[in-house]
PDB file of N, CA and C in Angstrom:
ATOM      1  N   MET A   1       0.846  -1.185   0.000  1.00  0.00           N
ATOM      2  CA  MET A   1       0.000   0.000   0.000  1.00  0.00           C
ATOM      3  C   MET A   1       0.888   1.243   0.000  1.00  0.00           C
ATOM      4  N   ALA A   2       0.710   2.103  -0.954  1.00  0.00           N
ATOM      5  CA  ALA A   2       1.511   3.318  -1.059  1.00  0.00           C
ATOM      6  C   ALA A   2       0.935   4.405  -0.153  1.00  0.00           C
ATOM      7  N   PHE A   3       1.824   5.176   0.415  1.00  0.00           N
ATOM      8  CA  PHE A   3       1.424   6.282   1.282  1.00  0.00           C
ATOM      9  C   PHE A   3       1.527   7.567   0.478  1.00  0.00           C
ATOM     10  N   THR A   4       0.444   8.323   0.421  1.00  0.00           N
ATOM     11  CA  THR A   4       0.469   9.598  -0.290  1.00  0.00           C
ATOM     12  C   THR A   4      -0.028  10.694   0.633  1.00  0.00           C
ATOM     13  N   LEU A   5       0.541  11.843   0.472  1.00  0.00           N
ATOM     14  CA  LEU A   5       0.126  13.013   1.235  1.00  0.00           C
ATOM     15  C   LEU A   5      -0.739  13.893   0.345  1.00  0.00           C
ATOM     16  N   SER A   6      -1.760  14.437   0.920  1.00  0.00           N
ATOM     17  CA  SER A   6      -2.592  15.340   0.140  1.00  0.00           C
ATOM     18  C   SER A   6      -1.878  16.676  -0.017  1.00  0.00           C
ATOM     19  N   ILE A   7      -2.247  17.397  -1.018  1.00  0.00           N
ATOM     20  CA  ILE A   7      -1.662  18.724  -1.264  1.00  0.00           C
ATOM     21  C   ILE A   7      -1.929  19.634  -0.079  1.00  0.00           C
ATOM     22  N   ASP A   8      -3.096  19.511   0.537  1.00  0.00           N
ATOM     23  CA  ASP A   8      -3.432  20.348   1.688  1.00  0.00           C
ATOM     24  C   ASP A   8      -2.492  20.093   2.866  1.00  0.00           C
ATOM     25  N   VAL A   9      -2.178  18.830   3.112  1.00  0.00           N
ATOM     26  CA  VAL A   9      -1.282  18.479   4.216  1.00  0.00           C
ATOM     27  C   VAL A   9       0.123  19.028   3.957  1.00  0.00           C
ATOM     28  N   VAL A  10       0.598  18.887   2.749  1.00  0.00           N
ATOM     29  CA  VAL A  10       1.926  19.379   2.385  1.00  0.00           C
ATOM     30  C   VAL A  10       1.959  20.910   2.474  1.00  0.00           C
ATOM     31  N   ALA A  11       0.934  21.570   1.951  1.00  0.00           N
ATOM     32  CA  ALA A  11       0.879  23.034   1.992  1.00  0.00           C
ATOM     33  C   ALA A  11       0.850  23.533   3.435  1.00  0.00           C
ATOM     34  N   GLU A  12       0.078  22.874   4.279  1.00  0.00           N
ATOM     35  CA  GLU A  12      -0.002  23.272   5.687  1.00  0.00           C
ATOM     36  C   GLU A  12       1.351  23.111   6.380  1.00  0.00           C
ATOM     37  N   ALA A  13       2.046  22.031   6.068  1.00  0.00           N
ATOM     38  CA  ALA A  13       3.370  21.799   6.661  1.00  0.00           C
ATOM     39  C   ALA A  13       4.366  22.876   6.222  1.00  0.00           C
ATOM     40  N   ILE A  14       4.307  23.240   4.976  1.00  0.00           N
ATOM     41  CA  ILE A  14       5.218  24.276   4.452  1.00  0.00           C
ATOM     42  C   ILE A  14       4.907  25.623   5.093  1.00  0.00           C
ATOM     43  N   LEU A  15       3.639  25.984   5.125  1.00  0.00           N
ATOM     44  CA  LEU A  15       3.240  27.277   5.686  1.00  0.00           C
ATOM     45  C   LEU A  15       3.530  27.373   7.182  1.00  0.00           C
ATOM     46  N   GLY A  16       3.467  26.268   7.873  1.00  0.00           N
ATOM     47  CA  GLY A  16       3.680  26.293   9.314  1.00  0.00           C
ATOM     48  C   GLY A  16       5.120  26.153   9.749  1.00  0.00           C
ATOM     49  N   TYR A  17       6.020  25.849   8.823  1.00  0.00           N
ATOM     50  CA  TYR A  17       7.402  25.580   9.192  1.00  0.00           C
ATOM     51  C   TYR A  17       8.082  26.776   9.842  1.00  0.00           C
ATOM     52  N   ILE A  18       8.110  27.917   9.179  1.00  0.00           N
ATOM     53  CA  ILE A  18       8.847  29.071   9.698  1.00  0.00           C
ATOM     54  C   ILE A  18       8.267  29.558  11.035  1.00  0.00           C
ATOM     55  N   PRO A  19       6.942  29.681  11.175  1.00  0.00           N
ATOM     56  CA  PRO A  19       6.433  30.092  12.494  1.00  0.00           C
ATOM     57  C   PRO A  19       6.819  29.119  13.619  1.00  0.00           C
ATOM     58  N   LYS A  20       6.792  27.823  13.355  1.00  0.00           N
ATOM     59  CA  LYS A  20       7.199  26.843  14.372  1.00  0.00           C
ATOM     60  C   LYS A  20       8.693  26.968  14.678  1.00  0.00           C
ATOM     61  N   TYR A  21       9.468  27.134  13.645  1.00  0.00           N
ATOM     62  CA  TYR A  21      10.914  27.296  13.791  1.00  0.00           C
ATOM     63  C   TYR A  21      11.226  28.538  14.628  1.00  0.00           C
ATOM     64  N   GLN A  22      10.573  29.656  14.299  1.00  0.00           N
ATOM     65  CA  GLN A  22      10.806  30.893  15.031  1.00  0.00           C
ATOM     66  C   GLN A  22      10.310  30.791  16.476  1.00  0.00           C
ATOM     67  N   SER A  23       9.231  30.084  16.691  1.00  0.00           N
ATOM     68  CA  SER A  23       8.736  29.872  18.049  1.00  0.00           C
ATOM     69  C   SER A  23       9.770  29.116  18.873  1.00  0.00           C
ATOM     70  N   HIS A  24      10.366  28.104  18.274  1.00  0.00           N
ATOM     71  CA  HIS A  24      11.415  27.344  18.958  1.00  0.00           C
ATOM     72  C   HIS A  24      12.611  28.243  19.288  1.00  0.00           C
ATOM     73  N   LEU A  25      13.021  29.079  18.331  1.00  0.00           N
ATOM     74  CA  LEU A  25      14.148  29.983  18.571  1.00  0.00           C
ATOM     75  C   LEU A  25      13.825  30.976  19.686  1.00  0.00           C
ATOM     76  N   LYS A  26      12.607  31.476  19.714  1.00  0.00           N
ATOM     77  CA  LYS A  26      12.201  32.404  20.774  1.00  0.00           C
ATOM     78  C   LYS A  26      12.253  31.726  22.138  1.00  0.00           C
ATOM     79  N   GLU A  27      11.845  30.463  22.208  1.00  0.00           N
ATOM     80  CA  GLU A  27      11.931  29.706  23.459  1.00  0.00           C
ATOM     81  C   GLU A  27      13.384  29.555  23.896  1.00  0.00           C
ATOM     82  N   LEU A  28      14.271  29.279  22.948  1.00  0.00           N
ATOM     83  CA  LEU A  28      15.691  29.176  23.275  1.00  0.00           C
ATOM     84  C   LEU A  28      16.213  30.494  23.834  1.00  0.00           C
ATOM     85  N   LYS A  29      15.820  31.594  23.210  1.00  0.00           N
ATOM     86  CA  LYS A  29      16.247  32.911  23.685  1.00  0.00           C
ATOM     87  C   LYS A  29      15.721  33.172  25.094  1.00  0.00           C
ATOM     88  N   GLU A  30      14.467  32.797  25.338  1.00  0.00           N
ATOM     89  CA  GLU A  30      13.894  32.966  26.673  1.00  0.00           C
ATOM     90  C   GLU A  30      14.638  32.132  27.710  1.00  0.00           C
ATOM     91  N   ASP A  31      15.220  31.014  27.285  1.00  0.00           N
ATOM     92  CA  ASP A  31      15.993  30.154  28.176  1.00  0.00           C
ATOM     93  C   ASP A  31      17.437  30.632  28.327  1.00  0.00           C
ATOM     94  N   GLY A  32      17.761  31.759  27.706  1.00  0.00           N
ATOM     95  CA  GLY A  32      19.088  32.346  27.868  1.00  0.00           C
ATOM     96  C   GLY A  32      20.081  32.066  26.763  1.00  0.00           C
ATOM     97  N   TYR A  33      19.661  31.360  25.725  1.00  0.00           N
ATOM     98  CA  TYR A  33      20.563  31.111  24.604  1.00  0.00           C
ATOM     99  C   TYR A  33      20.657  32.357  23.733  1.00  0.00           C
ATOM    100  N   HIS A  34      21.784  32.496  23.060  1.00  0.00           N
ATOM    101  CA  HIS A  34      21.976  33.560  22.083  1.00  0.00           C
ATOM    102  C   HIS A  34      22.017  32.899  20.711  1.00  0.00           C
ATOM    103  N   VAL A  35      21.277  33.447  19.781  1.00  0.00           N
ATOM    104  CA  VAL A  35      21.230  32.885  18.440  1.00  0.00           C
ATOM    105  C   VAL A  35      22.177  33.700  17.562  1.00  0.00           C
ATOM    106  N   VAL A  36      23.210  33.034  17.098  1.00  0.00           N
ATOM    107  CA  VAL A  36      24.243  33.675  16.293  1.00  0.00           C
ATOM    108  C   VAL A  36      24.319  32.953  14.964  1.00  0.00           C
ATOM    109  N   GLY A  37      24.340  33.716  13.892  1.00  0.00           N
ATOM    110  CA  GLY A  37      24.393  33.128  12.559  1.00  0.00           C
ATOM    111  C   GLY A  37      25.776  33.216  11.945  1.00  0.00           C
ATOM    112  N   TYR A  38      25.978  32.381  10.950  1.00  0.00           N
ATOM    113  CA  TYR A  38      27.230  32.373  10.200  1.00  0.00           C
ATOM    114  C   TYR A  38      26.908  32.101   8.745  1.00  0.00           C
ATOM    115  N   CYS A  39      27.420  32.913   7.855  1.00  0.00           N
ATOM    116  CA  CYS A  39      27.279  32.612   6.433  1.00  0.00           C
ATOM    117  C   CYS A  39      28.662  32.663   5.794  1.00  0.00           C
ATOM    118  N   ARG A  40      28.810  31.808   4.801  1.00  0.00           N
ATOM    119  CA  ARG A  40      30.089  31.652   4.125  1.00  0.00           C
ATOM    120  C   ARG A  40      29.854  31.615   2.630  1.00  0.00           C
ATOM    121  N   LYS A  41      30.694  32.303   1.904  1.00  0.00           N
ATOM    122  CA  LYS A  41      30.644  32.294   0.450  1.00  0.00           C
ATOM    123  C   LYS A  41      31.970  31.755  -0.049  1.00  0.00           C
ATOM    124  N   SER A  42      31.919  30.717  -0.857  1.00  0.00           N
ATOM    125  CA  SER A  42      33.138  30.116  -1.404  1.00  0.00           C
ATOM    126  C   SER A  42      33.821  31.059  -2.387  1.00  0.00           C
ATOM    127  N   LYS A  43      35.047  30.735  -2.726  1.00  0.00           N
ATOM    128  CA  LYS A  43      35.780  31.486  -3.742  1.00  0.00           C
ATOM    129  C   LYS A  43      35.189  31.124  -5.099  1.00  0.00           C
ATOM    130  N   THR A  44      34.447  32.037  -5.667  1.00  0.00           N
ATOM    131  CA  THR A  44      33.834  31.828  -6.977  1.00  0.00           C
ATOM    132  C   THR A  44      34.148  33.029  -7.857  1.00  0.00           C
ATOM    133  N   LYS A  45      33.668  32.992  -9.084  1.00  0.00           N
ATOM    134  CA  LYS A  45      34.086  33.999 -10.052  1.00  0.00           C
ATOM    135  C   LYS A  45      33.135  35.184 -10.222  1.00  0.00           C
ATOM    136  N   GLU A  46      32.075  35.285  -9.393  1.00  0.00           N
ATOM    137  CA  GLU A  46      31.186  36.424  -9.600  1.00  0.00           C
ATOM    138  C   GLU A  46      31.883  37.731  -9.222  1.00  0.00           C
ATOM    139  N   ASP A  47      31.363  38.838  -9.730  1.00  0.00           N
ATOM    140  CA  ASP A  47      31.972  40.133  -9.443  1.00  0.00           C
ATOM    141  C   ASP A  47      31.631  40.566  -8.010  1.00  0.00           C
ATOM    142  N   GLY A  48      32.289  41.631  -7.576  1.00  0.00           N
ATOM    143  CA  GLY A  48      32.138  42.111  -6.204  1.00  0.00           C
ATOM    144  C   GLY A  48      30.717  42.490  -5.833  1.00  0.00           C
ATOM    145  N   SER A  49      29.984  43.116  -6.764  1.00  0.00           N
ATOM    146  CA  SER A  49      28.612  43.515  -6.440  1.00  0.00           C
ATOM    147  C   SER A  49      27.696  42.298  -6.302  1.00  0.00           C
ATOM    148  N   SER A  50      27.929  41.273  -7.100  1.00  0.00           N
ATOM    149  CA  SER A  50      27.137  40.035  -6.968  1.00  0.00           C
ATOM    150  C   SER A  50      27.451  39.342  -5.653  1.00  0.00           C
ATOM    151  N   ARG A  51      28.716  39.281  -5.292  1.00  0.00           N
ATOM    152  CA  ARG A  51      29.128  38.674  -4.019  1.00  0.00           C
ATOM    153  C   ARG A  51      28.476  39.426  -2.858  1.00  0.00           C
ATOM    154  N   GLN A  52      28.516  40.736  -2.923  1.00  0.00           N
ATOM    155  CA  GLN A  52      27.904  41.559  -1.875  1.00  0.00           C
ATOM    156  C   GLN A  52      26.400  41.294  -1.786  1.00  0.00           C
ATOM    157  N   ARG A  53      25.720  41.235  -2.926  1.00  0.00           N
ATOM    158  CA  ARG A  53      24.277  40.989  -2.954  1.00  0.00           C
ATOM    159  C   ARG A  53      23.938  39.628  -2.361  1.00  0.00           C
ATOM    160  N   LEU A  54      24.707  38.603  -2.728  1.00  0.00           N
ATOM    161  CA  LEU A  54      24.465  37.250  -2.217  1.00  0.00           C
ATOM    162  C   LEU A  54      24.700  37.166  -0.706  1.00  0.00           C
ATOM    163  N   LEU A  55      25.775  37.779  -0.248  1.00  0.00           N
ATOM    164  CA  LEU A  55      26.054  37.784   1.190  1.00  0.00           C
ATOM    165  C   LEU A  55      25.004  38.586   1.961  1.00  0.00           C
ATOM    166  N   ARG A  56      24.573  39.703   1.370  1.00  0.00           N
ATOM    167  CA  ARG A  56      23.534  40.512   2.023  1.00  0.00           C
ATOM    168  C   ARG A  56      22.247  39.709   2.155  1.00  0.00           C
ATOM    169  N   THR A  57      21.892  38.972   1.121  1.00  0.00           N
ATOM    170  CA  THR A  57      20.685  38.140   1.179  1.00  0.00           C
ATOM    171  C   THR A  57      20.801  37.100   2.288  1.00  0.00           C
ATOM    172  N   MET A  58      21.959  36.449   2.387  1.00  0.00           N
ATOM    173  CA  MET A  58      22.155  35.441   3.434  1.00  0.00           C
ATOM    174  C   MET A  58      22.079  36.060   4.829  1.00  0.00           C
ATOM    175  N   THR A  59      22.761  37.182   5.042  1.00  0.00           N
ATOM    176  CA  THR A  59      22.746  37.800   6.369  1.00  0.00           C
ATOM    177  C   THR A  59      21.357  38.310   6.731  1.00  0.00           C
ATOM    178  N   ASP A  60      20.670  38.893   5.758  1.00  0.00           N
ATOM    179  CA  ASP A  60      19.303  39.375   6.014  1.00  0.00           C
ATOM    180  C   ASP A  60      18.378  38.234   6.408  1.00  0.00           C
ATOM    181  N   ARG A  61      18.482  37.111   5.712  1.00  0.00           N
ATOM    182  CA  ARG A  61      17.623  35.963   6.033  1.00  0.00           C
ATOM    183  C   ARG A  61      17.947  35.370   7.392  1.00  0.00           C
ATOM    184  N   LEU A  62      19.213  35.339   7.759  1.00  0.00           N
ATOM    185  CA  LEU A  62      19.572  34.840   9.085  1.00  0.00           C
ATOM    186  C   LEU A  62      18.989  35.728  10.181  1.00  0.00           C
ATOM    187  N   LYS A  63      18.997  37.023   9.952  1.00  0.00           N
ATOM    188  CA  LYS A  63      18.411  37.955  10.933  1.00  0.00           C
ATOM    189  C   LYS A  63      16.889  37.836  10.971  1.00  0.00           C
ATOM    190  N   GLU A  64      16.267  37.815   9.792  1.00  0.00           N
ATOM    191  CA  GLU A  64      14.800  37.834   9.722  1.00  0.00           C
ATOM    192  C   GLU A  64      14.170  36.482  10.029  1.00  0.00           C
ATOM    193  N   ARG A  65      14.652  35.425   9.409  1.00  0.00           N
ATOM    194  CA  ARG A  65      14.025  34.108   9.564  1.00  0.00           C
ATOM    195  C   ARG A  65      14.519  33.354  10.792  1.00  0.00           C
ATOM    196  N   SER A  66      15.823  33.458  11.047  1.00  0.00           N
ATOM    197  CA  SER A  66      16.390  32.703  12.157  1.00  0.00           C
ATOM    198  C   SER A  66      16.586  33.549  13.409  1.00  0.00           C
ATOM    199  N   LEU A  67      16.143  34.797  13.350  1.00  0.00           N
ATOM    200  CA  LEU A  67      16.153  35.689  14.511  1.00  0.00           C
ATOM    201  C   LEU A  67      17.535  35.815  15.151  1.00  0.00           C
ATOM    202  N   CYS A  68      18.574  35.779  14.319  1.00  0.00           N
ATOM    203  CA  CYS A  68      19.947  35.861  14.828  1.00  0.00           C
ATOM    204  C   CYS A  68      20.224  37.241  15.410  1.00  0.00           C
ATOM    205  N   GLU A  69      20.880  37.249  16.546  1.00  0.00           N
ATOM    206  CA  GLU A  69      21.280  38.505  17.175  1.00  0.00           C
ATOM    207  C   GLU A  69      22.503  39.084  16.482  1.00  0.00           C
ATOM    208  N   HIS A  70      23.379  38.208  16.063  1.00  0.00           N
ATOM    209  CA  HIS A  70      24.604  38.601  15.359  1.00  0.00           C
ATOM    210  C   HIS A  70      24.807  37.619  14.214  1.00  0.00           C
ATOM    211  N   VAL A  71      25.366  38.108  13.122  1.00  0.00           N
ATOM    212  CA  VAL A  71      25.696  37.256  11.983  1.00  0.00           C
ATOM    213  C   VAL A  71      27.140  37.541  11.596  1.00  0.00           C
ATOM    214  N   PHE A  72      27.928  36.484  11.539  1.00  0.00           N
ATOM    215  CA  PHE A  72      29.325  36.602  11.150  1.00  0.00           C
ATOM    216  C   PHE A  72      29.493  36.040   9.749  1.00  0.00           C
ATOM    217  N   VAL A  73      30.354  36.677   8.967  1.00  0.00           N
ATOM    218  CA  VAL A  73      30.466  36.392   7.544  1.00  0.00           C
ATOM    219  C   VAL A  73      31.891  36.021   7.171  1.00  0.00           C
ATOM    220  N   SER A  74      32.005  34.961   6.423  1.00  0.00           N
ATOM    221  CA  SER A  74      33.265  34.607   5.795  1.00  0.00           C
ATOM    222  C   SER A  74      33.021  34.773   4.301  1.00  0.00           C
ATOM    223  N   SER A  75      33.546  35.838   3.753  1.00  0.00           N
ATOM    224  CA  SER A  75      33.155  36.267   2.412  1.00  0.00           C
ATOM    225  C   SER A  75      33.803  35.518   1.260  1.00  0.00           C
ATOM    226  N   ARG A  76      34.862  34.778   1.539  1.00  0.00           N
ATOM    227  CA  ARG A  76      35.572  34.130   0.431  1.00  0.00           C
ATOM    228  C   ARG A  76      36.404  32.960   0.950  1.00  0.00           C
ATOM    229  N   SER A  77      35.729  31.893   1.381  1.00  0.00           N
ATOM    230  CA  SER A  77      36.473  30.749   1.901  1.00  0.00           C
ATOM    231  C   SER A  77      35.701  29.457   1.678  1.00  0.00           C
ATOM    232  N   PRO A  78      36.409  28.397   1.311  1.00  0.00           N
ATOM    233  CA  PRO A  78      35.742  27.097   1.162  1.00  0.00           C
ATOM    234  C   PRO A  78      35.477  26.474   2.535  1.00  0.00           C
ATOM    235  N   ALA A  79      34.478  25.616   2.615  1.00  0.00           N
ATOM    236  CA  ALA A  79      34.149  24.948   3.875  1.00  0.00           C
ATOM    237  C   ALA A  79      35.299  24.075   4.353  1.00  0.00           C
ATOM    238  N   SER A  80      36.150  23.636   3.438  1.00  0.00           N
ATOM    239  CA  SER A  80      37.279  22.773   3.798  1.00  0.00           C
ATOM    240  C   SER A  80      38.471  23.556   4.352  1.00  0.00           C
ATOM    241  N   GLN A  81      38.441  24.875   4.265  1.00  0.00           N
ATOM    242  CA  GLN A  81      39.544  25.690   4.770  1.00  0.00           C
ATOM    243  C   GLN A  81      39.536  25.679   6.297  1.00  0.00           C
ATOM    244  N   PRO A  82      40.699  25.552   6.936  1.00  0.00           N
ATOM    245  CA  PRO A  82      40.733  25.585   8.399  1.00  0.00           C
ATOM    246  C   PRO A  82      40.089  26.863   8.936  1.00  0.00           C
ATOM    247  N   MET A  83      39.300  26.710   9.975  1.00  0.00           N
ATOM    248  CA  MET A  83      38.573  27.852  10.534  1.00  0.00           C
ATOM    249  C   MET A  83      39.507  28.998  10.920  1.00  0.00           C
ATOM    250  N   GLN A  84      40.635  28.671  11.551  1.00  0.00           N
ATOM    251  CA  GLN A  84      41.527  29.721  12.022  1.00  0.00           C
ATOM    252  C   GLN A  84      42.198  30.477  10.880  1.00  0.00           C
ATOM    253  N   ALA A  85      42.150  29.943   9.666  1.00  0.00           N
ATOM    254  CA  ALA A  85      42.765  30.612   8.517  1.00  0.00           C
ATOM    255  C   ALA A  85      41.777  31.512   7.768  1.00  0.00           C
ATOM    256  N   ARG A  86      40.494  31.353   8.048  1.00  0.00           N
ATOM    257  CA  ARG A  86      39.489  32.134   7.321  1.00  0.00           C
ATOM    258  C   ARG A  86      39.554  33.615   7.706  1.00  0.00           C
ATOM    259  N   ASP A  87      39.442  34.445   6.708  1.00  0.00           N
ATOM    260  CA  ASP A  87      39.311  35.900   6.874  1.00  0.00           C
ATOM    261  C   ASP A  87      40.535  36.588   7.467  1.00  0.00           C
ATOM    262  N   ARG A  88      41.664  35.928   7.486  1.00  0.00           N
ATOM    263  CA  ARG A  88      42.861  36.586   8.013  1.00  0.00           C
ATOM    264  C   ARG A  88      43.287  37.757   7.145  1.00  0.00           C
ATOM    265  N   HIS A  89      43.143  37.588   5.852  1.00  0.00           N
ATOM    266  CA  HIS A  89      43.554  38.642   4.922  1.00  0.00           C
ATOM    267  C   HIS A  89      42.355  39.057   4.071  1.00  0.00           C
ATOM    268  N   CYS A  90      41.248  39.245   4.720  1.00  0.00           N
ATOM    269  CA  CYS A  90      40.000  39.560   4.025  1.00  0.00           C
ATOM    270  C   CYS A  90      40.011  41.001   3.523  1.00  0.00           C
ATOM    271  N   ARG A  91      39.703  41.170   2.252  1.00  0.00           N
ATOM    272  CA  ARG A  91      39.616  42.509   1.671  1.00  0.00           C
ATOM    273  C   ARG A  91      38.175  42.940   1.472  1.00  0.00           C
ATOM    274  N   PHE A  92      37.248  42.083   1.842  1.00  0.00           N
ATOM    275  CA  PHE A  92      35.830  42.395   1.694  1.00  0.00           C
ATOM    276  C   PHE A  92      35.390  43.270   2.863  1.00  0.00           C
ATOM    277  N   ASP A  93      34.728  44.379   2.555  1.00  0.00           N
ATOM    278  CA  ASP A  93      34.284  45.299   3.595  1.00  0.00           C
ATOM    279  C   ASP A  93      32.969  44.811   4.195  1.00  0.00           C
ATOM    280  N   ILE A  94      33.051  44.206   5.374  1.00  0.00           N
ATOM    281  CA  ILE A  94      31.881  43.658   6.058  1.00  0.00           C
ATOM    282  C   ILE A  94      30.856  44.761   6.348  1.00  0.00           C
ATOM    283  N   ASN A  95      31.299  45.997   6.490  1.00  0.00           N
ATOM    284  CA  ASN A  95      30.384  47.110   6.785  1.00  0.00           C
ATOM    285  C   ASN A  95      29.368  47.357   5.672  1.00  0.00           C
ATOM    286  N   MET A  96      29.618  46.794   4.487  1.00  0.00           N
ATOM    287  CA  MET A  96      28.663  46.948   3.381  1.00  0.00           C
ATOM    288  C   MET A  96      27.429  46.076   3.591  1.00  0.00           C
ATOM    289  N   LEU A  97      27.490  45.160   4.556  1.00  0.00           N
ATOM    290  CA  LEU A  97      26.367  44.265   4.844  1.00  0.00           C
ATOM    291  C   LEU A  97      25.703  44.743   6.125  1.00  0.00           C
ATOM    292  N   ARG A  98      24.501  45.282   6.021  1.00  0.00           N
ATOM    293  CA  ARG A  98      23.852  45.916   7.171  1.00  0.00           C
ATOM    294  C   ARG A  98      23.617  44.967   8.345  1.00  0.00           C
ATOM    295  N   ASN A  99      23.516  43.672   8.101  1.00  0.00           N
ATOM    296  CA  ASN A  99      23.231  42.732   9.182  1.00  0.00           C
ATOM    297  C   ASN A  99      24.422  41.885   9.596  1.00  0.00           C
ATOM    298  N   ALA A 100      25.613  42.258   9.169  1.00  0.00           N
ATOM    299  CA  ALA A 100      26.801  41.494   9.552  1.00  0.00           C
ATOM    300  C   ALA A 100      27.448  42.118  10.779  1.00  0.00           C
ATOM    301  N   SER A 101      27.876  41.262  11.698  1.00  0.00           N
ATOM    302  CA  SER A 101      28.526  41.730  12.922  1.00  0.00           C
ATOM    303  C   SER A 101      30.044  41.645  12.843  1.00  0.00           C
ATOM    304  N   GLY A 102      30.569  40.925  11.865  1.00  0.00           N
ATOM    305  CA  GLY A 102      32.003  40.760  11.724  1.00  0.00           C
ATOM    306  C   GLY A 102      32.308  39.527  10.901  1.00  0.00           C
ATOM    307  N   ASN A 103      33.585  39.127  10.902  1.00  0.00           N
ATOM    308  CA  ASN A 103      33.971  37.931  10.151  1.00  0.00           C
ATOM    309  C   ASN A 103      34.290  36.796  11.116  1.00  0.00           C
ATOM    310  N   THR A 104      34.996  35.781  10.648  1.00  0.00           N
ATOM    311  CA  THR A 104      35.221  34.595  11.485  1.00  0.00           C
ATOM    312  C   THR A 104      36.371  34.746  12.466  1.00  0.00           C
ATOM    313  N   GLN A 105      37.021  35.855  12.506  1.00  0.00           N
ATOM    314  CA  GLN A 105      38.085  36.055  13.481  1.00  0.00           C
ATOM    315  C   GLN A 105      37.467  36.449  14.823  1.00  0.00           C
ATOM    316  N   VAL A 106      36.715  35.508  15.384  1.00  0.00           N
ATOM    317  CA  VAL A 106      35.998  35.699  16.648  1.00  0.00           C
ATOM    318  C   VAL A 106      36.167  34.455  17.514  1.00  0.00           C
ATOM    319  N   CYS A 107      35.724  34.542  18.748  1.00  0.00           N
ATOM    320  CA  CYS A 107      35.638  33.370  19.609  1.00  0.00           C
ATOM    321  C   CYS A 107      34.318  32.689  19.297  1.00  0.00           C
ATOM    322  N   LEU A 108      34.342  31.404  19.068  1.00  0.00           N
ATOM    323  CA  LEU A 108      33.167  30.696  18.585  1.00  0.00           C
ATOM    324  C   LEU A 108      32.789  29.557  19.516  1.00  0.00           C
ATOM    325  N   VAL A 109      31.516  29.494  19.877  1.00  0.00           N
ATOM    326  CA  VAL A 109      30.972  28.376  20.642  1.00  0.00           C
ATOM    327  C   VAL A 109      29.935  27.720  19.754  1.00  0.00           C
ATOM    328  N   VAL A 110      30.060  26.406  19.518  1.00  0.00           N
ATOM    329  CA  VAL A 110      29.227  25.727  18.539  1.00  0.00           C
ATOM    330  C   VAL A 110      28.474  24.574  19.181  1.00  0.00           C
ATOM    331  N   ILE A 111      27.179  24.480  18.902  1.00  0.00           N
ATOM    332  CA  ILE A 111      26.384  23.338  19.324  1.00  0.00           C
ATOM    333  C   ILE A 111      26.329  22.317  18.195  1.00  0.00           C
ATOM    334  N   ASP A 112      26.169  22.772  16.966  1.00  0.00           N
ATOM    335  CA  ASP A 112      26.073  21.904  15.801  1.00  0.00           C
ATOM    336  C   ASP A 112      26.927  22.504  14.696  1.00  0.00           C
ATOM    337  N   PHE A 113      27.830  21.717  14.131  1.00  0.00           N
ATOM    338  CA  PHE A 113      28.768  22.264  13.161  1.00  0.00           C
ATOM    339  C   PHE A 113      28.384  22.000  11.712  1.00  0.00           C
ATOM    340  N   ALA A 114      27.223  21.425  11.463  1.00  0.00           N
ATOM    341  CA  ALA A 114      26.817  21.123  10.091  1.00  0.00           C
ATOM    342  C   ALA A 114      26.803  22.403   9.257  1.00  0.00           C
ATOM    343  N   GLY A 115      27.477  22.388   8.138  1.00  0.00           N
ATOM    344  CA  GLY A 115      27.525  23.546   7.248  1.00  0.00           C
ATOM    345  C   GLY A 115      28.621  24.530   7.603  1.00  0.00           C
ATOM    346  N   LEU A 116      29.135  24.442   8.823  1.00  0.00           N
ATOM    347  CA  LEU A 116      30.182  25.362   9.256  1.00  0.00           C
ATOM    348  C   LEU A 116      31.532  24.936   8.709  1.00  0.00           C
ATOM    349  N   THR A 117      31.823  23.647   8.809  1.00  0.00           N
ATOM    350  CA  THR A 117      33.081  23.110   8.311  1.00  0.00           C
ATOM    351  C   THR A 117      32.884  21.633   7.973  1.00  0.00           C
ATOM    352  N   THR A 118      33.740  21.112   7.132  1.00  0.00           N
ATOM    353  CA  THR A 118      33.671  19.687   6.801  1.00  0.00           C
ATOM    354  C   THR A 118      34.647  18.875   7.629  1.00  0.00           C
ATOM    355  N   ASN A 119      35.371  19.519   8.536  1.00  0.00           N
ATOM    356  CA  ASN A 119      36.422  18.859   9.286  1.00  0.00           C
ATOM    357  C   ASN A 119      36.221  19.080  10.786  1.00  0.00           C
ATOM    358  N   VAL A 120      35.778  18.045  11.504  1.00  0.00           N
ATOM    359  CA  VAL A 120      35.523  18.149  12.940  1.00  0.00           C
ATOM    360  C   VAL A 120      36.799  18.483  13.705  1.00  0.00           C
ATOM    361  N   GLU A 121      37.909  17.895  13.303  1.00  0.00           N
ATOM    362  CA  GLU A 121      39.170  18.168  13.983  1.00  0.00           C
ATOM    363  C   GLU A 121      39.562  19.644  13.831  1.00  0.00           C
ATOM    364  N   ASP A 122      39.324  20.210  12.672  1.00  0.00           N
ATOM    365  CA  ASP A 122      39.587  21.620  12.419  1.00  0.00           C
ATOM    366  C   ASP A 122      38.766  22.475  13.386  1.00  0.00           C
ATOM    367  N   LEU A 123      37.511  22.117  13.570  1.00  0.00           N
ATOM    368  CA  LEU A 123      36.647  22.861  14.487  1.00  0.00           C
ATOM    369  C   LEU A 123      37.183  22.786  15.913  1.00  0.00           C
ATOM    370  N   LYS A 124      37.648  21.603  16.327  1.00  0.00           N
ATOM    371  CA  LYS A 124      38.220  21.452  17.676  1.00  0.00           C
ATOM    372  C   LYS A 124      39.451  22.326  17.847  1.00  0.00           C
ATOM    373  N   ILE A 125      40.308  22.374  16.839  1.00  0.00           N
ATOM    374  CA  ILE A 125      41.511  23.208  16.896  1.00  0.00           C
ATOM    375  C   ILE A 125      41.139  24.676  16.980  1.00  0.00           C
ATOM    376  N   PHE A 126      40.133  25.078  16.186  1.00  0.00           N
ATOM    377  CA  PHE A 126      39.692  26.474  16.186  1.00  0.00           C
ATOM    378  C   PHE A 126      39.200  26.885  17.547  1.00  0.00           C
TER     379      PHE A 126
END
């Protein structure tokens, strides 16, 4: 017997996702957690204005959807790059991103590292 979901059930799940997610984040904040975001853009060939636009979109969404208090940006680094090496010689002006708090040259406390780095040992060293 095949299991199928009705369009109404799927639509309701999609529409309810962000409010449920934000409710959970608000509960975490009430419990004393701080929600901090991180976005990273790999070394790619787009021009500076495109890179800025893409990073601005990511930082804005982290602030608006994920209710991040601070968002840190690594503007030009692969996920495989050691954390401590990111943004050491960054020429990207973070101030151009209205919702960015700085780059990765910060003290970092991590609960879940998915998407942050591909190397757990690198994260431990950082």
